[in-house]
PDB file of N, CA and C in Angstrom:
ATOM      1  N   UNK A   1     -27.215  29.780  13.405  1.00  0.00           N
ATOM      2  CA  UNK A   1     -26.523  29.407  12.316  1.00  0.00           C
ATOM      3  C   UNK A   1     -25.048  29.400  13.187  1.00  0.00           C
ATOM      4  N   UNK A   2     -24.950  30.638  14.377  1.00  0.00           N
ATOM      5  CA  UNK A   2     -23.734  31.074  15.109  1.00  0.00           C
ATOM      6  C   UNK A   2     -23.028  29.341  15.402  1.00  0.00           C
ATOM      7  N   UNK A   3     -24.365  28.889  15.754  1.00  0.00           N
ATOM      8  CA  UNK A   3     -23.442  27.609  16.773  1.00  0.00           C
ATOM      9  C   UNK A   3     -22.910  26.522  15.195  1.00  0.00           C
ATOM     10  N   UNK A   4     -23.601  26.518  14.410  1.00  0.00           N
ATOM     11  CA  UNK A   4     -23.240  25.934  13.373  1.00  0.00           C
ATOM     12  C   UNK A   4     -21.640  26.312  12.759  1.00  0.00           C
ATOM     13  N   UNK A   5     -21.913  27.559  12.508  1.00  0.00           N
ATOM     14  CA  UNK A   5     -20.585  27.625  12.161  1.00  0.00           C
ATOM     15  C   UNK A   5     -19.373  27.615  13.337  1.00  0.00           C
ATOM     16  N   UNK A   6     -19.550  27.695  14.381  1.00  0.00           N
ATOM     17  CA  UNK A   6     -18.363  27.362  15.615  1.00  0.00           C
ATOM     18  C   UNK A   6     -18.245  25.868  15.869  1.00  0.00           C
ATOM     19  N   UNK A   7     -19.068  24.894  15.376  1.00  0.00           N
ATOM     20  CA  UNK A   7     -19.239  23.877  15.204  1.00  0.00           C
ATOM     21  C   UNK A   7     -18.582  23.508  14.067  1.00  0.00           C
ATOM     22  N   UNK A   8     -18.625  23.549  13.143  1.00  0.00           N
ATOM     23  CA  UNK A   8     -17.587  23.363  11.742  1.00  0.00           C
ATOM     24  C   UNK A   8     -16.181  24.118  11.699  1.00  0.00           C
ATOM     25  N   UNK A   9     -15.725  25.075  12.839  1.00  0.00           N
ATOM     26  CA  UNK A   9     -14.539  25.410  12.924  1.00  0.00           C
ATOM     27  C   UNK A   9     -14.107  24.252  13.836  1.00  0.00           C
ATOM     28  N   UNK A  10     -14.657  24.365  15.042  1.00  0.00           N
ATOM     29  CA  UNK A  10     -14.264  23.221  16.359  1.00  0.00           C
ATOM     30  C   UNK A  10     -13.520  21.718  15.429  1.00  0.00           C
ATOM     31  N   UNK A  11     -14.941  21.518  14.581  1.00  0.00           N
ATOM     32  CA  UNK A  11     -14.345  19.981  14.188  1.00  0.00           C
ATOM     33  C   UNK A  11     -13.173  20.440  13.123  1.00  0.00           C
ATOM     34  N   UNK A  12     -13.182  21.460  12.321  1.00  0.00           N
ATOM     35  CA  UNK A  12     -11.935  21.371  11.468  1.00  0.00           C
ATOM     36  C   UNK A  12     -10.885  21.728  12.266  1.00  0.00           C
ATOM     37  N   UNK A  13     -10.822  22.189  13.163  1.00  0.00           N
ATOM     38  CA  UNK A  13      -9.337  22.491  13.911  1.00  0.00           C
ATOM     39  C   UNK A  13      -8.760  20.897  14.714  1.00  0.00           C
ATOM     40  N   UNK A  14     -10.191  20.210  15.015  1.00  0.00           N
ATOM     41  CA  UNK A  14      -9.467  19.053  15.374  1.00  0.00           C
ATOM     42  C   UNK A  14      -9.177  18.101  14.446  1.00  0.00           C
ATOM     43  N   UNK A  15      -9.834  18.115  13.437  1.00  0.00           N
ATOM     44  CA  UNK A  15      -9.210  17.037  12.146  1.00  0.00           C
ATOM     45  C   UNK A  15      -7.554  17.616  11.832  1.00  0.00           C
ATOM     46  N   UNK A  16      -7.758  18.995  11.843  1.00  0.00           N
ATOM     47  CA  UNK A  16      -6.478  19.668  11.126  1.00  0.00           C
ATOM     48  C   UNK A  16      -5.003  19.292  12.218  1.00  0.00           C
ATOM     49  N   UNK A  17      -5.736  18.878  13.422  1.00  0.00           N
ATOM     50  CA  UNK A  17      -4.419  18.807  14.393  1.00  0.00           C
ATOM     51  C   UNK A  17      -4.175  16.930  14.434  1.00  0.00           C
ATOM     52  N   UNK A  18      -4.774  16.057  13.909  1.00  0.00           N
ATOM     53  CA  UNK A  18      -4.892  15.129  14.144  1.00  0.00           C
ATOM     54  C   UNK A  18      -3.475  14.442  13.385  1.00  0.00           C
ATOM     55  N   UNK A  19      -2.739  13.625  14.048  1.00  0.00           N
ATOM     56  CA  UNK A  19      -1.877  13.131  13.029  1.00  0.00           C
ATOM     57  C   UNK A  19      -1.802  12.432  11.893  1.00  0.00           C
ATOM     58  N   UNK A  20      -1.388  12.583  10.460  1.00  0.00           N
ATOM     59  CA  UNK A  20      -1.422  11.860   9.229  1.00  0.00           C
ATOM     60  C   UNK A  20      -0.049  11.328   8.750  1.00  0.00           C
ATOM     61  N   UNK A  21       0.243  10.220   8.290  1.00  0.00           N
ATOM     62  CA  UNK A  21       1.045   9.326   7.920  1.00  0.00           C
ATOM     63  C   UNK A  21       0.782   8.849   6.892  1.00  0.00           C
ATOM     64  N   UNK A  22       1.663   9.068   5.465  1.00  0.00           N
ATOM     65  CA  UNK A  22       1.828   8.824   4.588  1.00  0.00           C
ATOM     66  C   UNK A  22       1.942   7.013   4.397  1.00  0.00           C
ATOM     67  N   UNK A  23       1.447   5.970   3.605  1.00  0.00           N
ATOM     68  CA  UNK A  23       2.350   4.945   3.589  1.00  0.00           C
ATOM     69  C   UNK A  23       3.086   4.842   2.747  1.00  0.00           C
ATOM     70  N   UNK A  24       4.192   4.295   2.859  1.00  0.00           N
ATOM     71  CA  UNK A  24       5.387   4.236   1.735  1.00  0.00           C
ATOM     72  C   UNK A  24       5.519   2.931   1.068  1.00  0.00           C
ATOM     73  N   UNK A  25       5.574   2.854  -0.135  1.00  0.00           N
ATOM     74  CA  UNK A  25       5.797   1.638  -1.154  1.00  0.00           C
ATOM     75  C   UNK A  25       7.213   2.051  -1.636  1.00  0.00           C
ATOM     76  N   UNK A  26       8.237   1.381  -1.268  1.00  0.00           N
ATOM     77  CA  UNK A  26       9.525   1.264  -1.815  1.00  0.00           C
ATOM     78  C   UNK A  26       9.699   0.576  -2.919  1.00  0.00           C
ATOM     79  N   UNK A  27       9.240   0.833  -4.027  1.00  0.00           N
ATOM     80  CA  UNK A  27       9.963  -0.299  -5.351  1.00  0.00           C
ATOM     81  C   UNK A  27      10.587  -1.015  -5.336  1.00  0.00           C
ATOM     82  N   UNK A  28      11.700  -0.854  -4.522  1.00  0.00           N
ATOM     83  CA  UNK A  28      13.404  -1.617  -4.689  1.00  0.00           C
ATOM     84  C   UNK A  28      12.887  -2.873  -4.108  1.00  0.00           C
ATOM     85  N   UNK A  29      11.882  -3.262  -2.785  1.00  0.00           N
ATOM     86  CA  UNK A  29      11.803  -4.001  -2.164  1.00  0.00           C
ATOM     87  C   UNK A  29      10.401  -5.058  -2.712  1.00  0.00           C
ATOM     88  N   UNK A  30      10.607  -6.460  -3.049  1.00  0.00           N
ATOM     89  CA  UNK A  30       9.290  -7.092  -3.581  1.00  0.00           C
ATOM     90  C   UNK A  30       8.382  -7.707  -2.628  1.00  0.00           C
ATOM     91  N   UNK A  31       8.630  -7.413  -0.846  1.00  0.00           N
ATOM     92  CA  UNK A  31       7.531  -7.741  -0.074  1.00  0.00           C
ATOM     93  C   UNK A  31       7.223  -6.585   0.621  1.00  0.00           C
ATOM     94  N   UNK A  32       6.087  -6.352   1.208  1.00  0.00           N
ATOM     95  CA  UNK A  32       5.731  -5.452   2.300  1.00  0.00           C
ATOM     96  C   UNK A  32       4.868  -6.216   3.206  1.00  0.00           C
ATOM     97  N   UNK A  33       4.881  -5.777   4.539  1.00  0.00           N
ATOM     98  CA  UNK A  33       4.487  -5.946   5.534  1.00  0.00           C
ATOM     99  C   UNK A  33       3.552  -5.256   6.172  1.00  0.00           C
ATOM    100  N   UNK A  34       2.306  -5.332   6.287  1.00  0.00           N
ATOM    101  CA  UNK A  34       1.049  -4.792   6.628  1.00  0.00           C
ATOM    102  C   UNK A  34       0.778  -5.366   8.208  1.00  0.00           C
ATOM    103  N   UNK A  35       0.816  -4.114   8.803  1.00  0.00           N
ATOM    104  CA  UNK A  35       0.644  -4.451  10.369  1.00  0.00           C
ATOM    105  C   UNK A  35      -0.195  -3.576  11.328  1.00  0.00           C
ATOM    106  N   UNK A  36      -1.227  -3.859  12.392  1.00  0.00           N
ATOM    107  CA  UNK A  36      -2.302  -3.559  12.764  1.00  0.00           C
ATOM    108  C   UNK A  36      -2.225  -2.950  13.999  1.00  0.00           C
ATOM    109  N   UNK A  37      -2.465  -1.751  14.782  1.00  0.00           N
ATOM    110  CA  UNK A  37      -1.736  -1.709  15.827  1.00  0.00           C
ATOM    111  C   UNK A  37      -3.344  -1.798  16.851  1.00  0.00           C
ATOM    112  N   UNK A  38      -2.860  -1.747  18.045  1.00  0.00           N
ATOM    113  CA  UNK A  38      -4.219  -1.974  19.215  1.00  0.00           C
ATOM    114  C   UNK A  38      -4.931  -0.721  18.810  1.00  0.00           C
ATOM    115  N   UNK A  39      -4.564   0.367  18.353  1.00  0.00           N
ATOM    116  CA  UNK A  39      -5.709   1.613  18.137  1.00  0.00           C
ATOM    117  C   UNK A  39      -6.268   1.249  16.835  1.00  0.00           C
ATOM    118  N   UNK A  40      -6.059   0.275  16.126  1.00  0.00           N
ATOM    119  CA  UNK A  40      -6.241   0.131  14.741  1.00  0.00           C
ATOM    120  C   UNK A  40      -5.774   0.622  13.328  1.00  0.00           C
ATOM    121  N   UNK A  41      -5.127   1.506  14.326  1.00  0.00           N
ATOM    122  CA  UNK A  41      -3.709   2.154  12.989  1.00  0.00           C
ATOM    123  C   UNK A  41      -3.065   0.989  12.063  1.00  0.00           C
ATOM    124  N   UNK A  42      -2.717   0.975  10.949  1.00  0.00           N
ATOM    125  CA  UNK A  42      -2.761   0.851   9.879  1.00  0.00           C
ATOM    126  C   UNK A  42      -0.903   1.080   9.698  1.00  0.00           C
ATOM    127  N   UNK A  43       0.040   0.097   9.876  1.00  0.00           N
ATOM    128  CA  UNK A  43       1.133   0.934   9.218  1.00  0.00           C
ATOM    129  C   UNK A  43       1.541  -0.463   8.388  1.00  0.00           C
ATOM    130  N   UNK A  44       2.623   0.114   7.283  1.00  0.00           N
ATOM    131  CA  UNK A  44       3.000  -0.674   5.888  1.00  0.00           C
ATOM    132  C   UNK A  44       4.386  -0.456   5.864  1.00  0.00           C
ATOM    133  N   UNK A  45       5.308  -1.830   5.724  1.00  0.00           N
ATOM    134  CA  UNK A  45       6.497  -1.378   5.449  1.00  0.00           C
ATOM    135  C   UNK A  45       7.071  -2.262   4.719  1.00  0.00           C
ATOM    136  N   UNK A  46       7.496  -1.448   3.416  1.00  0.00           N
ATOM    137  CA  UNK A  46       8.040  -2.277   2.333  1.00  0.00           C
ATOM    138  C   UNK A  46       9.888  -2.141   2.246  1.00  0.00           C
ATOM    139  N   UNK A  47      10.479  -3.179   3.093  1.00  0.00           N
ATOM    140  CA  UNK A  47      11.590  -3.274   3.329  1.00  0.00           C
ATOM    141  C   UNK A  47      12.105  -4.755   3.328  1.00  0.00           C
ATOM    142  N   UNK A  48      11.293  -5.729   2.129  1.00  0.00           N
ATOM    143  CA  UNK A  48      11.413  -6.901   2.704  1.00  0.00           C
ATOM    144  C   UNK A  48      12.109  -7.389   1.609  1.00  0.00           C
ATOM    145  N   UNK A  49      13.153  -7.868   1.550  1.00  0.00           N
ATOM    146  CA  UNK A  49      13.820  -9.007  -0.026  1.00  0.00           C
ATOM    147  C   UNK A  49      13.050 -10.316   0.219  1.00  0.00           C
ATOM    148  N   UNK A  50      12.467 -11.165   1.095  1.00  0.00           N
ATOM    149  CA  UNK A  50      11.728 -12.037   0.460  1.00  0.00           C
ATOM    150  C   UNK A  50      10.191 -12.334   1.444  1.00  0.00           C
ATOM    151  N   UNK A  51       9.324 -13.152   0.990  1.00  0.00           N
ATOM    152  CA  UNK A  51       8.590 -13.468   1.865  1.00  0.00           C
ATOM    153  C   UNK A  51       8.611 -13.813   2.944  1.00  0.00           C
ATOM    154  N   UNK A  52       9.577 -14.978   3.015  1.00  0.00           N
ATOM    155  CA  UNK A  52      10.178 -15.485   4.540  1.00  0.00           C
ATOM    156  C   UNK A  52      10.437 -14.711   5.213  1.00  0.00           C
ATOM    157  N   UNK A  53      11.654 -13.901   4.622  1.00  0.00           N
ATOM    158  CA  UNK A  53      11.979 -12.757   5.631  1.00  0.00           C
ATOM    159  C   UNK A  53      10.755 -11.741   6.577  1.00  0.00           C
ATOM    160  N   UNK A  54       9.766 -11.596   5.741  1.00  0.00           N
ATOM    161  CA  UNK A  54       8.940 -10.771   6.287  1.00  0.00           C
ATOM    162  C   UNK A  54       7.914 -11.594   7.104  1.00  0.00           C
ATOM    163  N   UNK A  55       7.452 -12.883   6.670  1.00  0.00           N
ATOM    164  CA  UNK A  55       6.668 -13.480   7.700  1.00  0.00           C
ATOM    165  C   UNK A  55       7.280 -13.879   9.072  1.00  0.00           C
ATOM    166  N   UNK A  56       9.132 -13.987   9.059  1.00  0.00           N
ATOM    167  CA  UNK A  56       9.454 -13.941  10.185  1.00  0.00           C
ATOM    168  C   UNK A  56       9.415 -12.894  10.884  1.00  0.00           C
ATOM    169  N   UNK A  57       9.734 -11.733  10.150  1.00  0.00           N
ATOM    170  CA  UNK A  57       8.987 -10.343  11.476  1.00  0.00           C
ATOM    171  C   UNK A  57       7.682 -10.596  11.705  1.00  0.00           C
ATOM    172  N   UNK A  58       6.535 -10.864  10.983  1.00  0.00           N
ATOM    173  CA  UNK A  58       5.291 -10.972  11.302  1.00  0.00           C
ATOM    174  C   UNK A  58       4.666 -11.978  12.064  1.00  0.00           C
ATOM    175  N   UNK A  59       5.840 -13.239  12.635  1.00  0.00           N
ATOM    176  CA  UNK A  59       5.400 -14.323  13.673  1.00  0.00           C
ATOM    177  C   UNK A  59       4.994 -13.429  14.753  1.00  0.00           C
ATOM    178  N   UNK A  60       3.936 -13.831  14.866  1.00  0.00           N
ATOM    179  CA  UNK A  60       3.353 -13.472  16.932  1.00  0.00           C
ATOM    180  C   UNK A  60       3.074 -11.950  16.794  1.00  0.00           C
ATOM    181  N   UNK A  61       2.699 -11.220  15.486  1.00  0.00           N
ATOM    182  CA  UNK A  61       2.041  -9.807  15.526  1.00  0.00           C
ATOM    183  C   UNK A  61       0.680 -10.208  14.540  1.00  0.00           C
ATOM    184  N   UNK A  62      -0.032  -9.004  15.003  1.00  0.00           N
ATOM    185  CA  UNK A  62      -1.405  -8.999  14.067  1.00  0.00           C
ATOM    186  C   UNK A  62      -0.795  -8.401  12.355  1.00  0.00           C
ATOM    187  N   UNK A  63      -0.293  -9.036  11.581  1.00  0.00           N
ATOM    188  CA  UNK A  63       0.317  -8.779  10.541  1.00  0.00           C
ATOM    189  C   UNK A  63      -0.021  -9.440   9.225  1.00  0.00           C
ATOM    190  N   UNK A  64       0.277  -8.960   8.275  1.00  0.00           N
ATOM    191  CA  UNK A  64       0.308 -10.053   6.810  1.00  0.00           C
ATOM    192  C   UNK A  64       1.400  -9.504   6.221  1.00  0.00           C
ATOM    193  N   UNK A  65       1.644 -10.344   5.283  1.00  0.00           N
ATOM    194  CA  UNK A  65       3.160 -10.103   4.342  1.00  0.00           C
ATOM    195  C   UNK A  65       2.543 -10.135   2.685  1.00  0.00           C
ATOM    196  N   UNK A  66       2.809  -9.292   1.992  1.00  0.00           N
ATOM    197  CA  UNK A  66       2.207  -9.583   0.935  1.00  0.00           C
ATOM    198  C   UNK A  66       3.194  -8.922  -0.580  1.00  0.00           C
ATOM    199  N   UNK A  67       3.210  -9.341  -1.495  1.00  0.00           N
ATOM    200  CA  UNK A  67       3.541  -8.356  -2.979  1.00  0.00           C
ATOM    201  C   UNK A  67       3.723  -7.271  -2.851  1.00  0.00           C
ATOM    202  N   UNK A  68       4.355  -6.549  -3.202  1.00  0.00           N
ATOM    203  CA  UNK A  68       4.739  -5.062  -2.950  1.00  0.00           C
ATOM    204  C   UNK A  68       3.929  -4.541  -4.637  1.00  0.00           C
ATOM    205  N   UNK A  69       2.856  -4.091  -4.300  1.00  0.00           N
ATOM    206  CA  UNK A  69       1.898  -3.686  -5.579  1.00  0.00           C
ATOM    207  C   UNK A  69       2.401  -2.523  -6.474  1.00  0.00           C
ATOM    208  N   UNK A  70       3.658  -1.630  -6.244  1.00  0.00           N
ATOM    209  CA  UNK A  70       4.536  -1.013  -6.645  1.00  0.00           C
ATOM    210  C   UNK A  70       5.522  -1.278  -7.357  1.00  0.00           C
ATOM    211  N   UNK A  71       5.813  -2.195  -7.643  1.00  0.00           N
ATOM    212  CA  UNK A  71       7.375  -2.980  -7.768  1.00  0.00           C
ATOM    213  C   UNK A  71       7.079  -3.345  -9.185  1.00  0.00           C
ATOM    214  N   UNK A  72       8.180  -2.612  -9.922  1.00  0.00           N
ATOM    215  CA  UNK A  72       7.979  -3.071 -11.581  1.00  0.00           C
ATOM    216  C   UNK A  72       7.788  -4.633 -11.888  1.00  0.00           C
ATOM    217  N   UNK A  73       7.556  -5.164 -12.436  1.00  0.00           N
ATOM    218  CA  UNK A  73       7.748  -6.647 -13.058  1.00  0.00           C
ATOM    219  C   UNK A  73       8.417  -6.830 -14.187  1.00  0.00           C
ATOM    220  N   UNK A  74       9.677  -7.483 -14.091  1.00  0.00           N
ATOM    221  CA  UNK A  74      10.512  -7.561 -14.855  1.00  0.00           C
ATOM    222  C   UNK A  74       9.780  -8.359 -16.103  1.00  0.00           C
ATOM    223  N   UNK A  75       9.076  -9.245 -16.042  1.00  0.00           N
ATOM    224  CA  UNK A  75       8.882 -10.381 -17.077  1.00  0.00           C
ATOM    225  C   UNK A  75       7.426 -10.315 -17.634  1.00  0.00           C
ATOM    226  N   UNK A  76       6.621  -9.020 -17.884  1.00  0.00           N
ATOM    227  CA  UNK A  76       5.620  -8.907 -18.296  1.00  0.00           C
ATOM    228  C   UNK A  76       5.576  -8.709 -19.460  1.00  0.00           C
ATOM    229  N   UNK A  77       4.747  -9.412 -20.326  1.00  0.00           N
ATOM    230  CA  UNK A  77       4.872  -9.072 -21.903  1.00  0.00           C
ATOM    231  C   UNK A  77       4.177  -7.956 -21.817  1.00  0.00           C
ATOM    232  N   UNK A  78       4.815  -7.214 -23.277  1.00  0.00           N
ATOM    233  CA  UNK A  78       3.867  -5.523 -23.458  1.00  0.00           C
ATOM    234  C   UNK A  78       3.215  -6.012 -24.540  1.00  0.00           C
ATOM    235  N   UNK A  79       2.005  -5.482 -24.365  1.00  0.00           N
ATOM    236  CA  UNK A  79       1.181  -5.880 -25.429  1.00  0.00           C
ATOM    237  C   UNK A  79       1.334  -5.255 -26.910  1.00  0.00           C
ATOM    238  N   UNK A  80       1.692  -6.255 -27.659  1.00  0.00           N
ATOM    239  CA  UNK A  80       2.154  -5.919 -28.834  1.00  0.00           C
ATOM    240  C   UNK A  80       1.128  -5.899 -30.061  1.00  0.00           C
ATOM    241  N   UNK A  81       1.640  -5.960 -31.283  1.00  0.00           N
ATOM    242  CA  UNK A  81       0.548  -6.645 -32.174  1.00  0.00           C
ATOM    243  C   UNK A  81       1.000  -7.902 -33.110  1.00  0.00           C
ATOM    244  N   UNK A  82      -0.557  -8.539 -33.041  1.00  0.00           N
ATOM    245  CA  UNK A  82      -0.530  -9.799 -33.477  1.00  0.00           C
ATOM    246  C   UNK A  82      -0.105  -9.721 -34.868  1.00  0.00           C
ATOM    247  N   UNK A  83       0.559 -10.496 -35.172  1.00  0.00           N
ATOM    248  CA  UNK A  83       0.740 -10.872 -36.621  1.00  0.00           C
ATOM    249  C   UNK A  83      -0.123 -11.061 -37.521  1.00  0.00           C
ATOM    250  N   UNK A  84       0.027 -11.004 -38.599  1.00  0.00           N
ATOM    251  CA  UNK A  84      -1.409 -11.242 -39.478  1.00  0.00           C
ATOM    252  C   UNK A  84      -0.920 -12.743 -40.003  1.00  0.00           C
ATOM    253  N   UNK A  85      -1.691 -13.736 -40.373  1.00  0.00           N
ATOM    254  CA  UNK A  85      -1.291 -14.607 -40.875  1.00  0.00           C
ATOM    255  C   UNK A  85      -1.135 -14.433 -42.491  1.00  0.00           C
ATOM    256  N   UNK A  86      -0.419 -14.878 -43.322  1.00  0.00           N
ATOM    257  CA  UNK A  86      -0.112 -14.750 -44.426  1.00  0.00           C
ATOM    258  C   UNK A  86      -0.649 -16.474 -45.270  1.00  0.00           C
ATOM    259  N   UNK A  87      -0.914 -15.895 -45.977  1.00  0.00           N
ATOM    260  CA  UNK A  87      -1.566 -17.577 -47.317  1.00  0.00           C
ATOM    261  C   UNK A  87      -3.334 -17.644 -47.400  1.00  0.00           C
ATOM    262  N   UNK A  88      -3.425 -18.855 -47.602  1.00  0.00           N
ATOM    263  CA  UNK A  88      -4.740 -19.023 -48.094  1.00  0.00           C
ATOM    264  C   UNK A  88      -5.725 -19.400 -47.327  1.00  0.00           C
ATOM    265  N   UNK A  89      -7.282 -19.067 -46.959  1.00  0.00           N
ATOM    266  CA  UNK A  89      -7.490 -20.236 -46.265  1.00  0.00           C
ATOM    267  C   UNK A  89      -8.132 -20.792 -46.725  1.00  0.00           C
TER     268      UNK A  89
END
């Protein structure tokens, strides 16, 4: 039982010391770049104003560009009430 307790303490200590980074999605920019590092780490950078600008940065890297999922869409139609048809059928 004592070995199990020490194992849990050691594992918790190691995991608490591991660096953690938050991914940021800036809603002011419409395009994000997702880049993979050599260790398998993923970095997301949402600071691009166009897909072409992002693709130029991603060229030659292990990266991809995509639309920012947290950018508000201006042309989305709001779900409203459907008007009832008047008249005789």
